Amino acid sequence: MDRKESEYACPKCGTQLVEKWGMVDDGSLAHNKEYQRVGKPYCPKGHRITDWNLAGQPMSAV
């Protein structure tokens, strides 16, 4: 898994969020692998994002 900086910052501390990227099975019968984001971005300082808006932007954290 690779780690990349997200375009979003933590709503609690302002630190750039980090995204995990990797080769993920696309769910087809051929089991093709695609390089894509895995899960949601997270704060490297350990804050938990508790609320996301419909556009996928972090709104609050604890």
PDB file of N, CA and C in Angstrom:
ATOM      1  N   MET A   1       0.846  -1.195   0.000  1.00  0.00           N
ATOM      2  CA  MET A   1       0.000   0.000   0.000  1.00  0.00           C
ATOM      3  C   MET A   1       0.888   1.254   0.000  1.00  0.00           C
ATOM      4  N   ASP A   2       0.471   2.202  -0.790  1.00  0.00           N
ATOM      5  CA  ASP A   2       1.142   3.498  -0.825  1.00  0.00           C
ATOM      6  C   ASP A   2       0.334   4.479  -0.005  1.00  0.00           C
ATOM      7  N   ARG A   3       1.001   5.512   0.489  1.00  0.00           N
ATOM      8  CA  ARG A   3       0.298   6.557   1.203  1.00  0.00           C
ATOM      9  C   ARG A   3       0.496   7.861   0.438  1.00  0.00           C
ATOM     10  N   LYS A   4      -0.597   8.606   0.259  1.00  0.00           N
ATOM     11  CA  LYS A   4      -0.542   9.892  -0.442  1.00  0.00           C
ATOM     12  C   LYS A   4      -1.265  10.925   0.392  1.00  0.00           C
ATOM     13  N   GLU A   5      -0.819  12.184   0.277  1.00  0.00           N
ATOM     14  CA  GLU A   5      -1.551  13.263   0.941  1.00  0.00           C
ATOM     15  C   GLU A   5      -2.879  13.474   0.253  1.00  0.00           C
ATOM     16  N   SER A   6      -3.912  13.673   1.046  1.00  0.00           N
ATOM     17  CA  SER A   6      -5.237  13.947   0.516  1.00  0.00           C
ATOM     18  C   SER A   6      -5.346  15.430   0.177  1.00  0.00           C
ATOM     19  N   GLU A   7      -6.355  15.778  -0.598  1.00  0.00           N
ATOM     20  CA  GLU A   7      -6.611  17.192  -0.876  1.00  0.00           C
ATOM     21  C   GLU A   7      -7.288  17.869   0.309  1.00  0.00           C
ATOM     22  N   TYR A   8      -7.733  17.083   1.299  1.00  0.00           N
ATOM     23  CA  TYR A   8      -8.471  17.619   2.443  1.00  0.00           C
ATOM     24  C   TYR A   8      -7.604  17.689   3.691  1.00  0.00           C
ATOM     25  N   ALA A   9      -7.979  18.600   4.587  1.00  0.00           N
ATOM     26  CA  ALA A   9      -7.283  18.748   5.865  1.00  0.00           C
ATOM     27  C   ALA A   9      -8.200  18.283   6.991  1.00  0.00           C
ATOM     28  N   CYS A  10      -7.606  17.880   8.102  1.00  0.00           N
ATOM     29  CA  CYS A  10      -8.370  17.449   9.278  1.00  0.00           C
ATOM     30  C   CYS A  10      -9.147  18.650   9.830  1.00  0.00           C
ATOM     31  N   PRO A  11     -10.467  18.496  10.044  1.00  0.00           N
ATOM     32  CA  PRO A  11     -11.250  19.619  10.576  1.00  0.00           C
ATOM     33  C   PRO A  11     -10.847  20.015  12.000  1.00  0.00           C
ATOM     34  N   LYS A  12     -10.178  19.112  12.725  1.00  0.00           N
ATOM     35  CA  LYS A  12      -9.814  19.404  14.117  1.00  0.00           C
ATOM     36  C   LYS A  12      -8.461  20.117  14.222  1.00  0.00           C
ATOM     37  N   CYS A  13      -7.447  19.627  13.487  1.00  0.00           N
ATOM     38  CA  CYS A  13      -6.096  20.187  13.670  1.00  0.00           C
ATOM     39  C   CYS A  13      -5.529  20.848  12.415  1.00  0.00           C
ATOM     40  N   GLY A  14      -6.179  20.674  11.261  1.00  0.00           N
ATOM     41  CA  GLY A  14      -5.708  21.310  10.038  1.00  0.00           C
ATOM     42  C   GLY A  14      -4.603  20.573   9.306  1.00  0.00           C
ATOM     43  N   THR A  15      -4.208  19.393   9.809  1.00  0.00           N
ATOM     44  CA  THR A  15      -3.173  18.593   9.148  1.00  0.00           C
ATOM     45  C   THR A  15      -3.747  17.958   7.885  1.00  0.00           C
ATOM     46  N   GLN A  16      -2.932  17.887   6.824  1.00  0.00           N
ATOM     47  CA  GLN A  16      -3.383  17.216   5.602  1.00  0.00           C
ATOM     48  C   GLN A  16      -3.715  15.763   5.911  1.00  0.00           C
ATOM     49  N   LEU A  17      -4.863  15.313   5.448  1.00  0.00           N
ATOM     50  CA  LEU A  17      -5.233  13.914   5.622  1.00  0.00           C
ATOM     51  C   LEU A  17      -4.384  13.036   4.704  1.00  0.00           C
ATOM     52  N   VAL A  18      -4.287  11.761   5.051  1.00  0.00           N
ATOM     53  CA  VAL A  18      -3.501  10.796   4.287  1.00  0.00           C
ATOM     54  C   VAL A  18      -4.455   9.751   3.716  1.00  0.00           C
ATOM     55  N   GLU A  19      -4.206   9.349   2.470  1.00  0.00           N
ATOM     56  CA  GLU A  19      -4.999   8.307   1.828  1.00  0.00           C
ATOM     57  C   GLU A  19      -4.117   7.086   1.597  1.00  0.00           C
ATOM     58  N   LYS A  20      -4.716   5.899   1.705  1.00  0.00           N
ATOM     59  CA  LYS A  20      -4.029   4.669   1.339  1.00  0.00           C
ATOM     60  C   LYS A  20      -4.434   4.316  -0.089  1.00  0.00           C
ATOM     61  N   TRP A  21      -3.446   3.966  -0.917  1.00  0.00           N
ATOM     62  CA  TRP A  21      -3.692   3.564  -2.294  1.00  0.00           C
ATOM     63  C   TRP A  21      -3.058   2.194  -2.515  1.00  0.00           C
ATOM     64  N   GLY A  22      -3.706   1.370  -3.319  1.00  0.00           N
ATOM     65  CA  GLY A  22      -3.145   0.057  -3.610  1.00  0.00           C
ATOM     66  C   GLY A  22      -3.887  -0.626  -4.736  1.00  0.00           C
ATOM     67  N   MET A  23      -3.420  -1.808  -5.078  1.00  0.00           N
ATOM     68  CA  MET A  23      -4.055  -2.601  -6.122  1.00  0.00           C
ATOM     69  C   MET A  23      -5.227  -3.342  -5.498  1.00  0.00           C
ATOM     70  N   VAL A  24      -6.427  -3.055  -5.992  1.00  0.00           N
ATOM     71  CA  VAL A  24      -7.647  -3.612  -5.423  1.00  0.00           C
ATOM     72  C   VAL A  24      -8.381  -4.418  -6.487  1.00  0.00           C
ATOM     73  N   ASP A  25      -8.870  -5.590  -6.101  1.00  0.00           N
ATOM     74  CA  ASP A  25      -9.670  -6.420  -7.005  1.00  0.00           C
ATOM     75  C   ASP A  25     -10.934  -5.653  -7.377  1.00  0.00           C
ATOM     76  N   ASP A  26     -11.244  -5.600  -8.669  1.00  0.00           N
ATOM     77  CA  ASP A  26     -12.404  -4.819  -9.111  1.00  0.00           C
ATOM     78  C   ASP A  26     -13.735  -5.553  -8.941  1.00  0.00           C
ATOM     79  N   GLY A  27     -13.697  -6.797  -8.453  1.00  0.00           N
ATOM     80  CA  GLY A  27     -14.932  -7.535  -8.189  1.00  0.00           C
ATOM     81  C   GLY A  27     -15.469  -8.289  -9.391  1.00  0.00           C
ATOM     82  N   SER A  28     -14.778  -8.230 -10.515  1.00  0.00           N
ATOM     83  CA  SER A  28     -15.248  -8.932 -11.704  1.00  0.00           C
ATOM     84  C   SER A  28     -14.841 -10.404 -11.637  1.00  0.00           C
ATOM     85  N   LEU A  29     -15.396 -11.198 -12.530  1.00  0.00           N
ATOM     86  CA  LEU A  29     -15.038 -12.620 -12.579  1.00  0.00           C
ATOM     87  C   LEU A  29     -13.575 -12.819 -12.947  1.00  0.00           C
ATOM     88  N   ALA A  30     -13.011 -11.863 -13.685  1.00  0.00           N
ATOM     89  CA  ALA A  30     -11.603 -11.957 -14.083  1.00  0.00           C
ATOM     90  C   ALA A  30     -10.664 -11.521 -12.960  1.00  0.00           C
ATOM     91  N   HIS A  31     -11.210 -10.938 -11.903  1.00  0.00           N
ATOM     92  CA  HIS A  31     -10.418 -10.440 -10.765  1.00  0.00           C
ATOM     93  C   HIS A  31      -9.311  -9.497 -11.209  1.00  0.00           C
ATOM     94  N   ASN A  32      -9.662  -8.548 -12.065  1.00  0.00           N
ATOM     95  CA  ASN A  32      -8.695  -7.540 -12.487  1.00  0.00           C
ATOM     96  C   ASN A  32      -8.317  -6.675 -11.299  1.00  0.00           C
ATOM     97  N   LYS A  33      -7.081  -6.227 -11.290  1.00  0.00           N
ATOM     98  CA  LYS A  33      -6.606  -5.362 -10.209  1.00  0.00           C
ATOM     99  C   LYS A  33      -6.564  -3.929 -10.724  1.00  0.00           C
ATOM    100  N   GLU A  34      -7.061  -3.007  -9.908  1.00  0.00           N
ATOM    101  CA  GLU A  34      -7.023  -1.594 -10.259  1.00  0.00           C
ATOM    102  C   GLU A  34      -6.310  -0.842  -9.141  1.00  0.00           C
ATOM    103  N   TYR A  35      -5.502   0.164  -9.523  1.00  0.00           N
ATOM    104  CA  TYR A  35      -4.827   1.007  -8.540  1.00  0.00           C
ATOM    105  C   TYR A  35      -5.814   2.084  -8.114  1.00  0.00           C
ATOM    106  N   GLN A  36      -6.244   2.046  -6.866  1.00  0.00           N
ATOM    107  CA  GLN A  36      -7.240   3.009  -6.401  1.00  0.00           C
ATOM    108  C   GLN A  36      -7.106   3.252  -4.904  1.00  0.00           C
ATOM    109  N   ARG A  37      -7.848   4.273  -4.444  1.00  0.00           N
ATOM    110  CA  ARG A  37      -7.836   4.608  -3.017  1.00  0.00           C
ATOM    111  C   ARG A  37      -8.536   3.508  -2.239  1.00  0.00           C
ATOM    112  N   VAL A  38      -7.981   3.174  -1.083  1.00  0.00           N
ATOM    113  CA  VAL A  38      -8.551   2.149  -0.223  1.00  0.00           C
ATOM    114  C   VAL A  38      -9.123   2.833   1.017  1.00  0.00           C
ATOM    115  N   GLY A  39     -10.417   2.712   1.232  1.00  0.00           N
ATOM    116  CA  GLY A  39     -11.041   3.327   2.396  1.00  0.00           C
ATOM    117  C   GLY A  39     -11.092   4.838   2.283  1.00  0.00           C
ATOM    118  N   LYS A  40     -11.316   5.496   3.411  1.00  0.00           N
ATOM    119  CA  LYS A  40     -11.410   6.957   3.430  1.00  0.00           C
ATOM    120  C   LYS A  40     -10.094   7.552   3.924  1.00  0.00           C
ATOM    121  N   PRO A  41      -9.839   8.824   3.597  1.00  0.00           N
ATOM    122  CA  PRO A  41      -8.632   9.477   4.132  1.00  0.00           C
ATOM    123  C   PRO A  41      -8.674   9.519   5.660  1.00  0.00           C
ATOM    124  N   TYR A  42      -7.506   9.564   6.287  1.00  0.00           N
ATOM    125  CA  TYR A  42      -7.437   9.614   7.746  1.00  0.00           C
ATOM    126  C   TYR A  42      -6.407  10.643   8.191  1.00  0.00           C
ATOM    127  N   CYS A  43      -6.542  11.095   9.435  1.00  0.00           N
ATOM    128  CA  CYS A  43      -5.608  12.077   9.999  1.00  0.00           C
ATOM    129  C   CYS A  43      -4.377  11.348  10.537  1.00  0.00           C
ATOM    130  N   PRO A  44      -3.173  11.747  10.113  1.00  0.00           N
ATOM    131  CA  PRO A  44      -1.966  11.084  10.610  1.00  0.00           C
ATOM    132  C   PRO A  44      -1.708  11.327  12.100  1.00  0.00           C
ATOM    133  N   LYS A  45      -2.375  12.332  12.685  1.00  0.00           N
ATOM    134  CA  LYS A  45      -2.214  12.599  14.120  1.00  0.00           C
ATOM    135  C   LYS A  45      -3.194  11.792  14.965  1.00  0.00           C
ATOM    136  N   GLY A  46      -4.002  10.945  14.321  1.00  0.00           N
ATOM    137  CA  GLY A  46      -4.876  10.047  15.070  1.00  0.00           C
ATOM    138  C   GLY A  46      -6.284  10.554  15.321  1.00  0.00           C
ATOM    139  N   HIS A  47      -6.636  11.739  14.812  1.00  0.00           N
ATOM    140  CA  HIS A  47      -8.011  12.210  14.978  1.00  0.00           C
ATOM    141  C   HIS A  47      -8.935  11.365  14.103  1.00  0.00           C
ATOM    142  N   ARG A  48     -10.101  11.041  14.618  1.00  0.00           N
ATOM    143  CA  ARG A  48     -11.066  10.222  13.886  1.00  0.00           C
ATOM    144  C   ARG A  48     -12.078  11.132  13.217  1.00  0.00           C
ATOM    145  N   ILE A  49     -12.186  11.034  11.893  1.00  0.00           N
ATOM    146  CA  ILE A  49     -13.167  11.838  11.156  1.00  0.00           C
ATOM    147  C   ILE A  49     -14.541  11.238  11.454  1.00  0.00           C
ATOM    148  N   THR A  50     -15.431  12.055  11.990  1.00  0.00           N
ATOM    149  CA  THR A  50     -16.736  11.536  12.414  1.00  0.00           C
ATOM    150  C   THR A  50     -17.863  11.908  11.470  1.00  0.00           C
ATOM    151  N   ASP A  51     -17.635  12.879  10.593  1.00  0.00           N
ATOM    152  CA  ASP A  51     -18.728  13.314   9.724  1.00  0.00           C
ATOM    153  C   ASP A  51     -18.170  13.735   8.378  1.00  0.00           C
ATOM    154  N   TRP A  52     -18.780  13.223   7.297  1.00  0.00           N
ATOM    155  CA  TRP A  52     -18.401  13.561   5.934  1.00  0.00           C
ATOM    156  C   TRP A  52     -19.615  14.152   5.246  1.00  0.00           C
ATOM    157  N   ASN A  53     -19.418  15.143   4.380  1.00  0.00           N
ATOM    158  CA  ASN A  53     -20.561  15.659   3.625  1.00  0.00           C
ATOM    159  C   ASN A  53     -20.763  14.806   2.370  1.00  0.00           C
ATOM    160  N   LEU A  54     -21.784  15.127   1.587  1.00  0.00           N
ATOM    161  CA  LEU A  54     -22.107  14.299   0.426  1.00  0.00           C
ATOM    162  C   LEU A  54     -21.023  14.318  -0.647  1.00  0.00           C
ATOM    163  N   ALA A  55     -20.213  15.366  -0.650  1.00  0.00           N
ATOM    164  CA  ALA A  55     -19.107  15.453  -1.620  1.00  0.00           C
ATOM    165  C   ALA A  55     -17.879  14.690  -1.155  1.00  0.00           C
ATOM    166  N   GLY A  56     -17.927  14.069   0.030  1.00  0.00           N
ATOM    167  CA  GLY A  56     -16.801  13.318   0.549  1.00  0.00           C
ATOM    168  C   GLY A  56     -15.778  14.140   1.294  1.00  0.00           C
ATOM    169  N   GLN A  57     -16.155  15.373   1.671  1.00  0.00           N
ATOM    170  CA  GLN A  57     -15.242  16.233   2.415  1.00  0.00           C
ATOM    171  C   GLN A  57     -15.450  16.020   3.914  1.00  0.00           C
ATOM    172  N   PRO A  58     -14.358  15.996   4.698  1.00  0.00           N
ATOM    173  CA  PRO A  58     -14.487  15.831   6.146  1.00  0.00           C
ATOM    174  C   PRO A  58     -15.083  17.079   6.797  1.00  0.00           C
ATOM    175  N   MET A  59     -16.079  16.885   7.661  1.00  0.00           N
ATOM    176  CA  MET A  59     -16.761  18.016   8.287  1.00  0.00           C
ATOM    177  C   MET A  59     -16.436  18.153   9.772  1.00  0.00           C
ATOM    178  N   SER A  60     -16.213  17.041  10.470  1.00  0.00           N
ATOM    179  CA  SER A  60     -15.879  17.127  11.897  1.00  0.00           C
ATOM    180  C   SER A  60     -15.014  15.938  12.286  1.00  0.00           C
ATOM    181  N   ALA A  61     -14.276  16.115  13.376  1.00  0.00           N
ATOM    182  CA  ALA A  61     -13.371  15.059  13.859  1.00  0.00           C
ATOM    183  C   ALA A  61     -13.259  15.131  15.364  1.00  0.00           C
ATOM    184  N   VAL A  62     -12.902  14.004  15.974  1.00  0.00           N
ATOM    185  CA  VAL A  62     -12.655  13.957  17.427  1.00  0.00           C
ATOM    186  C   VAL A  62     -11.284  13.384  17.686  1.00  0.00           C
TER     187      VAL A  62
END
